[in-house]
Amino acid sequence: MGMEAVYLGFVLMLSIFLGFELISKVPATLHTPLMSGANAISGITVVGAITSAGAGMSDWATALGAIAVFFAMVNVVGGYMVTDRMLGMFKKKEAPVKDQV
């Protein structure tokens, strides 16, 4: 079990470093599509969390699954709100209509 923990810790640190390097290199114009893709992945996470919560395992596993469903849903909803706000920044603003008297 000791070597497995070291291996998993190494994979975690490598993924954090790689994720940071990849995200920091993304131009600002690509952040909205990237956010939409991340939301799709989070949707898959919600399905996995629901499956985990309803698997009929121990109470501990069900509670962790329910917590995972909650946090995954917060991530999905928040991500779509941010994406919608970012897309709204690209819409053209209408010129105000002057009163015709």
N, C-alpha and C. Protein backbone atom coordinates (compact mmCIF):
# COMPACT_ATOMS: atom_id res chain seq x y z
N MET A 1 0.83 -1.20 0.00
CA MET A 1 0.00 0.00 0.00
C MET A 1 0.86 1.25 0.00
N GLY A 2 2.06 1.20 0.56
CA GLY A 2 2.92 2.36 0.65
C GLY A 2 3.38 2.85 -0.71
N MET A 3 3.77 1.92 -1.59
CA MET A 3 4.23 2.29 -2.92
C MET A 3 3.08 2.83 -3.76
N GLU A 4 1.90 2.29 -3.55
CA GLU A 4 0.72 2.76 -4.29
C GLU A 4 0.42 4.21 -3.94
N ALA A 5 0.54 4.57 -2.66
CA ALA A 5 0.29 5.95 -2.24
C ALA A 5 1.31 6.90 -2.86
N VAL A 6 2.56 6.48 -2.93
CA VAL A 6 3.60 7.31 -3.54
C VAL A 6 3.30 7.49 -5.03
N TYR A 7 2.92 6.41 -5.70
CA TYR A 7 2.58 6.48 -7.11
C TYR A 7 1.40 7.40 -7.35
N LEU A 8 0.35 7.28 -6.56
CA LEU A 8 -0.83 8.14 -6.71
C LEU A 8 -0.49 9.60 -6.40
N GLY A 9 0.35 9.84 -5.41
CA GLY A 9 0.78 11.20 -5.12
C GLY A 9 1.58 11.80 -6.27
N PHE A 10 2.43 10.98 -6.88
CA PHE A 10 3.20 11.44 -8.04
C PHE A 10 2.26 11.79 -9.20
N VAL A 11 1.27 10.96 -9.47
CA VAL A 11 0.32 11.23 -10.55
C VAL A 11 -0.46 12.50 -10.25
N LEU A 12 -0.87 12.72 -9.00
CA LEU A 12 -1.60 13.92 -8.62
C LEU A 12 -0.74 15.17 -8.85
N MET A 13 0.50 15.15 -8.38
CA MET A 13 1.37 16.32 -8.56
C MET A 13 1.67 16.58 -10.03
N LEU A 14 1.86 15.53 -10.80
CA LEU A 14 2.12 15.69 -12.23
C LEU A 14 0.90 16.27 -12.94
N SER A 15 -0.30 15.82 -12.58
CA SER A 15 -1.51 16.34 -13.22
C SER A 15 -1.76 17.79 -12.83
N ILE A 16 -1.46 18.17 -11.60
CA ILE A 16 -1.61 19.57 -11.19
C ILE A 16 -0.65 20.45 -11.99
N PHE A 17 0.59 20.04 -12.10
CA PHE A 17 1.58 20.81 -12.85
C PHE A 17 1.20 20.91 -14.32
N LEU A 18 0.82 19.78 -14.92
CA LEU A 18 0.45 19.77 -16.33
C LEU A 18 -0.80 20.62 -16.59
N GLY A 19 -1.78 20.52 -15.72
CA GLY A 19 -3.00 21.32 -15.86
C GLY A 19 -2.70 22.80 -15.77
N PHE A 20 -1.88 23.19 -14.83
CA PHE A 20 -1.51 24.61 -14.69
C PHE A 20 -0.78 25.11 -15.93
N GLU A 21 0.15 24.33 -16.43
CA GLU A 21 0.91 24.74 -17.61
C GLU A 21 0.02 24.84 -18.84
N LEU A 22 -0.90 23.91 -19.01
CA LEU A 22 -1.79 23.95 -20.17
C LEU A 22 -2.74 25.14 -20.11
N ILE A 23 -3.36 25.36 -18.96
CA ILE A 23 -4.34 26.44 -18.83
C ILE A 23 -3.67 27.81 -18.95
N SER A 24 -2.46 27.93 -18.44
CA SER A 24 -1.79 29.24 -18.51
C SER A 24 -1.38 29.60 -19.93
N LYS A 25 -1.31 28.62 -20.82
CA LYS A 25 -0.91 28.88 -22.21
C LYS A 25 -2.11 29.14 -23.13
N VAL A 26 -3.33 29.04 -22.62
CA VAL A 26 -4.52 29.21 -23.45
C VAL A 26 -4.78 30.70 -23.65
N PRO A 27 -4.94 31.15 -24.90
CA PRO A 27 -5.26 32.57 -25.13
C PRO A 27 -6.64 32.93 -24.60
N ALA A 28 -6.84 34.19 -24.30
CA ALA A 28 -8.10 34.64 -23.70
C ALA A 28 -9.30 34.35 -24.59
N THR A 29 -9.12 34.37 -25.90
CA THR A 29 -10.25 34.13 -26.81
C THR A 29 -10.73 32.69 -26.79
N LEU A 30 -9.93 31.78 -26.27
CA LEU A 30 -10.32 30.38 -26.22
C LEU A 30 -10.86 29.94 -24.87
N HIS A 31 -10.93 30.85 -23.91
CA HIS A 31 -11.38 30.45 -22.58
C HIS A 31 -12.84 30.01 -22.56
N THR A 32 -13.71 30.66 -23.36
CA THR A 32 -15.13 30.29 -23.37
C THR A 32 -15.33 28.89 -23.91
N PRO A 33 -14.74 28.52 -25.07
CA PRO A 33 -14.90 27.13 -25.52
C PRO A 33 -14.28 26.12 -24.55
N LEU A 34 -13.18 26.52 -23.93
CA LEU A 34 -12.55 25.62 -22.97
C LEU A 34 -13.47 25.40 -21.77
N MET A 35 -14.14 26.46 -21.31
CA MET A 35 -15.08 26.34 -20.20
C MET A 35 -16.25 25.44 -20.57
N SER A 36 -16.73 25.55 -21.80
CA SER A 36 -17.84 24.70 -22.23
C SER A 36 -17.42 23.24 -22.25
N GLY A 37 -16.21 22.98 -22.70
CA GLY A 37 -15.71 21.60 -22.68
C GLY A 37 -15.55 21.08 -21.27
N ALA A 38 -15.10 21.93 -20.37
CA ALA A 38 -14.96 21.51 -18.97
C ALA A 38 -16.33 21.22 -18.36
N ASN A 39 -17.35 21.97 -18.77
CA ASN A 39 -18.70 21.71 -18.27
C ASN A 39 -19.20 20.35 -18.74
N ALA A 40 -18.87 19.97 -19.96
CA ALA A 40 -19.28 18.66 -20.46
C ALA A 40 -18.61 17.55 -19.65
N ILE A 41 -17.35 17.74 -19.31
CA ILE A 41 -16.65 16.75 -18.49
C ILE A 41 -17.27 16.70 -17.10
N SER A 42 -17.65 17.85 -16.55
CA SER A 42 -18.28 17.86 -15.24
C SER A 42 -19.64 17.16 -15.27
N GLY A 43 -20.33 17.23 -16.40
CA GLY A 43 -21.58 16.50 -16.55
C GLY A 43 -21.36 15.00 -16.44
N ILE A 44 -20.27 14.52 -16.98
CA ILE A 44 -19.92 13.10 -16.86
C ILE A 44 -19.61 12.78 -15.40
N THR A 45 -18.98 13.71 -14.70
CA THR A 45 -18.69 13.53 -13.28
C THR A 45 -19.98 13.40 -12.48
N VAL A 46 -21.01 14.18 -12.84
CA VAL A 46 -22.30 14.09 -12.15
C VAL A 46 -22.89 12.69 -12.32
N VAL A 47 -22.82 12.15 -13.52
CA VAL A 47 -23.35 10.80 -13.77
C VAL A 47 -22.59 9.77 -12.93
N GLY A 48 -21.27 9.90 -12.87
CA GLY A 48 -20.48 8.98 -12.05
C GLY A 48 -20.80 9.11 -10.57
N ALA A 49 -21.01 10.34 -10.11
CA ALA A 49 -21.33 10.56 -8.69
C ALA A 49 -22.71 9.99 -8.36
N ILE A 50 -23.67 10.15 -9.26
CA ILE A 50 -25.00 9.59 -9.02
C ILE A 50 -24.92 8.06 -8.97
N THR A 51 -24.13 7.50 -9.87
CA THR A 51 -23.95 6.05 -9.87
C THR A 51 -23.31 5.58 -8.56
N SER A 52 -22.34 6.34 -8.08
CA SER A 52 -21.67 6.00 -6.83
C SER A 52 -22.61 6.13 -5.64
N ALA A 53 -23.44 7.18 -5.65
CA ALA A 53 -24.35 7.40 -4.52
C ALA A 53 -25.43 6.33 -4.46
N GLY A 54 -25.86 5.83 -5.61
CA GLY A 54 -26.94 4.85 -5.64
C GLY A 54 -26.49 3.41 -5.79
N ALA A 55 -25.22 3.15 -5.54
CA ALA A 55 -24.69 1.81 -5.76
C ALA A 55 -25.11 0.81 -4.69
N GLY A 56 -25.69 1.26 -3.60
CA GLY A 56 -26.12 0.35 -2.55
C GLY A 56 -24.99 -0.18 -1.69
N MET A 57 -23.90 0.53 -1.64
CA MET A 57 -22.76 0.14 -0.81
C MET A 57 -23.04 0.56 0.64
N SER A 58 -21.99 0.80 1.38
CA SER A 58 -22.15 1.20 2.78
C SER A 58 -22.71 2.62 2.88
N ASP A 59 -23.14 2.98 4.08
CA ASP A 59 -23.66 4.33 4.30
C ASP A 59 -22.59 5.38 4.04
N TRP A 60 -21.36 5.06 4.36
CA TRP A 60 -20.24 5.97 4.16
C TRP A 60 -20.06 6.25 2.66
N ALA A 61 -20.12 5.24 1.84
CA ALA A 61 -19.96 5.41 0.39
C ALA A 61 -21.13 6.19 -0.20
N THR A 62 -22.33 5.93 0.31
CA THR A 62 -23.51 6.66 -0.17
C THR A 62 -23.41 8.14 0.19
N ALA A 63 -22.95 8.44 1.40
CA ALA A 63 -22.81 9.83 1.82
C ALA A 63 -21.75 10.54 0.97
N LEU A 64 -20.63 9.89 0.73
CA LEU A 64 -19.59 10.49 -0.11
C LEU A 64 -20.10 10.69 -1.54
N GLY A 65 -20.89 9.74 -2.04
CA GLY A 65 -21.48 9.89 -3.37
C GLY A 65 -22.43 11.06 -3.43
N ALA A 66 -23.24 11.25 -2.39
CA ALA A 66 -24.17 12.38 -2.35
C ALA A 66 -23.42 13.71 -2.30
N ILE A 67 -22.35 13.76 -1.54
CA ILE A 67 -21.52 14.97 -1.49
C ILE A 67 -20.89 15.23 -2.85
N ALA A 68 -20.46 14.17 -3.52
CA ALA A 68 -19.87 14.32 -4.86
C ALA A 68 -20.90 14.84 -5.85
N VAL A 69 -22.15 14.37 -5.75
CA VAL A 69 -23.22 14.87 -6.62
C VAL A 69 -23.41 16.37 -6.40
N PHE A 70 -23.45 16.78 -5.14
CA PHE A 70 -23.65 18.19 -4.82
C PHE A 70 -22.54 19.06 -5.42
N PHE A 71 -21.28 18.69 -5.17
CA PHE A 71 -20.18 19.51 -5.65
C PHE A 71 -20.06 19.49 -7.17
N ALA A 72 -20.36 18.36 -7.79
CA ALA A 72 -20.32 18.30 -9.25
C ALA A 72 -21.41 19.17 -9.85
N MET A 73 -22.59 19.20 -9.24
CA MET A 73 -23.66 20.05 -9.75
C MET A 73 -23.33 21.54 -9.56
N VAL A 74 -22.72 21.88 -8.44
CA VAL A 74 -22.28 23.27 -8.23
C VAL A 74 -21.29 23.66 -9.32
N ASN A 75 -20.39 22.75 -9.65
CA ASN A 75 -19.39 23.00 -10.69
C ASN A 75 -20.05 23.19 -12.06
N VAL A 76 -21.01 22.33 -12.39
CA VAL A 76 -21.68 22.42 -13.69
C VAL A 76 -22.48 23.72 -13.80
N VAL A 77 -23.30 24.01 -12.80
CA VAL A 77 -24.14 25.21 -12.85
C VAL A 77 -23.28 26.47 -12.86
N GLY A 78 -22.28 26.53 -12.01
CA GLY A 78 -21.39 27.68 -11.99
C GLY A 78 -20.64 27.85 -13.30
N GLY A 79 -20.20 26.76 -13.87
CA GLY A 79 -19.49 26.82 -15.15
C GLY A 79 -20.36 27.36 -16.26
N TYR A 80 -21.61 26.91 -16.31
CA TYR A 80 -22.51 27.42 -17.35
C TYR A 80 -22.86 28.89 -17.11
N MET A 81 -22.95 29.29 -15.87
CA MET A 81 -23.21 30.72 -15.59
C MET A 81 -22.05 31.58 -16.05
N VAL A 82 -20.84 31.14 -15.78
CA VAL A 82 -19.65 31.89 -16.21
C VAL A 82 -19.57 31.91 -17.74
N THR A 83 -19.84 30.77 -18.38
CA THR A 83 -19.80 30.70 -19.83
C THR A 83 -20.83 31.65 -20.44
N ASP A 84 -22.04 31.68 -19.88
CA ASP A 84 -23.09 32.56 -20.39
C ASP A 84 -22.67 34.02 -20.24
N ARG A 85 -22.08 34.34 -19.13
CA ARG A 85 -21.64 35.72 -18.91
C ARG A 85 -20.53 36.10 -19.88
N MET A 86 -19.60 35.18 -20.11
CA MET A 86 -18.51 35.47 -21.05
C MET A 86 -19.04 35.63 -22.47
N LEU A 87 -19.99 34.78 -22.87
CA LEU A 87 -20.55 34.91 -24.21
C LEU A 87 -21.34 36.22 -24.36
N GLY A 88 -21.96 36.68 -23.27
CA GLY A 88 -22.68 37.94 -23.29
C GLY A 88 -21.77 39.12 -23.56
N MET A 89 -20.50 38.99 -23.21
CA MET A 89 -19.55 40.07 -23.45
C MET A 89 -19.28 40.26 -24.94
N PHE A 90 -19.51 39.22 -25.75
CA PHE A 90 -19.23 39.30 -27.18
C PHE A 90 -20.43 39.77 -27.99
N LYS A 91 -21.59 39.91 -27.38
CA LYS A 91 -22.77 40.36 -28.11
C LYS A 91 -22.66 41.87 -28.37
N LYS A 92 -23.17 42.25 -29.54
CA LYS A 92 -23.15 43.67 -29.87
C LYS A 92 -24.23 44.38 -29.07
N LYS A 93 -23.88 45.55 -28.59
CA LYS A 93 -24.84 46.36 -27.84
C LYS A 93 -25.66 47.16 -28.82
N GLU A 94 -26.96 47.22 -28.59
CA GLU A 94 -27.85 47.97 -29.48
C GLU A 94 -27.71 49.47 -29.19
N ALA A 95 -27.77 50.26 -30.25
CA ALA A 95 -27.69 51.71 -30.09
C ALA A 95 -29.02 52.19 -29.49
N PRO A 96 -28.96 53.11 -28.56
CA PRO A 96 -30.22 53.62 -27.97
C PRO A 96 -31.05 54.34 -29.02
N VAL A 97 -32.35 54.10 -28.98
CA VAL A 97 -33.28 54.73 -29.92
C VAL A 97 -33.66 56.10 -29.37
N LYS A 98 -33.49 57.12 -30.19
CA LYS A 98 -33.83 58.47 -29.76
C LYS A 98 -35.32 58.71 -29.98
N ASP A 99 -35.91 59.44 -29.08
CA ASP A 99 -37.33 59.77 -29.19
C ASP A 99 -37.57 60.66 -30.41
N GLN A 100 -38.59 60.32 -31.15
CA GLN A 100 -38.95 61.14 -32.32
C GLN A 100 -40.13 62.01 -31.96
N VAL A 101 -39.90 63.29 -31.84
CA VAL A 101 -40.97 64.21 -31.45
C VAL A 101 -41.27 65.17 -32.57
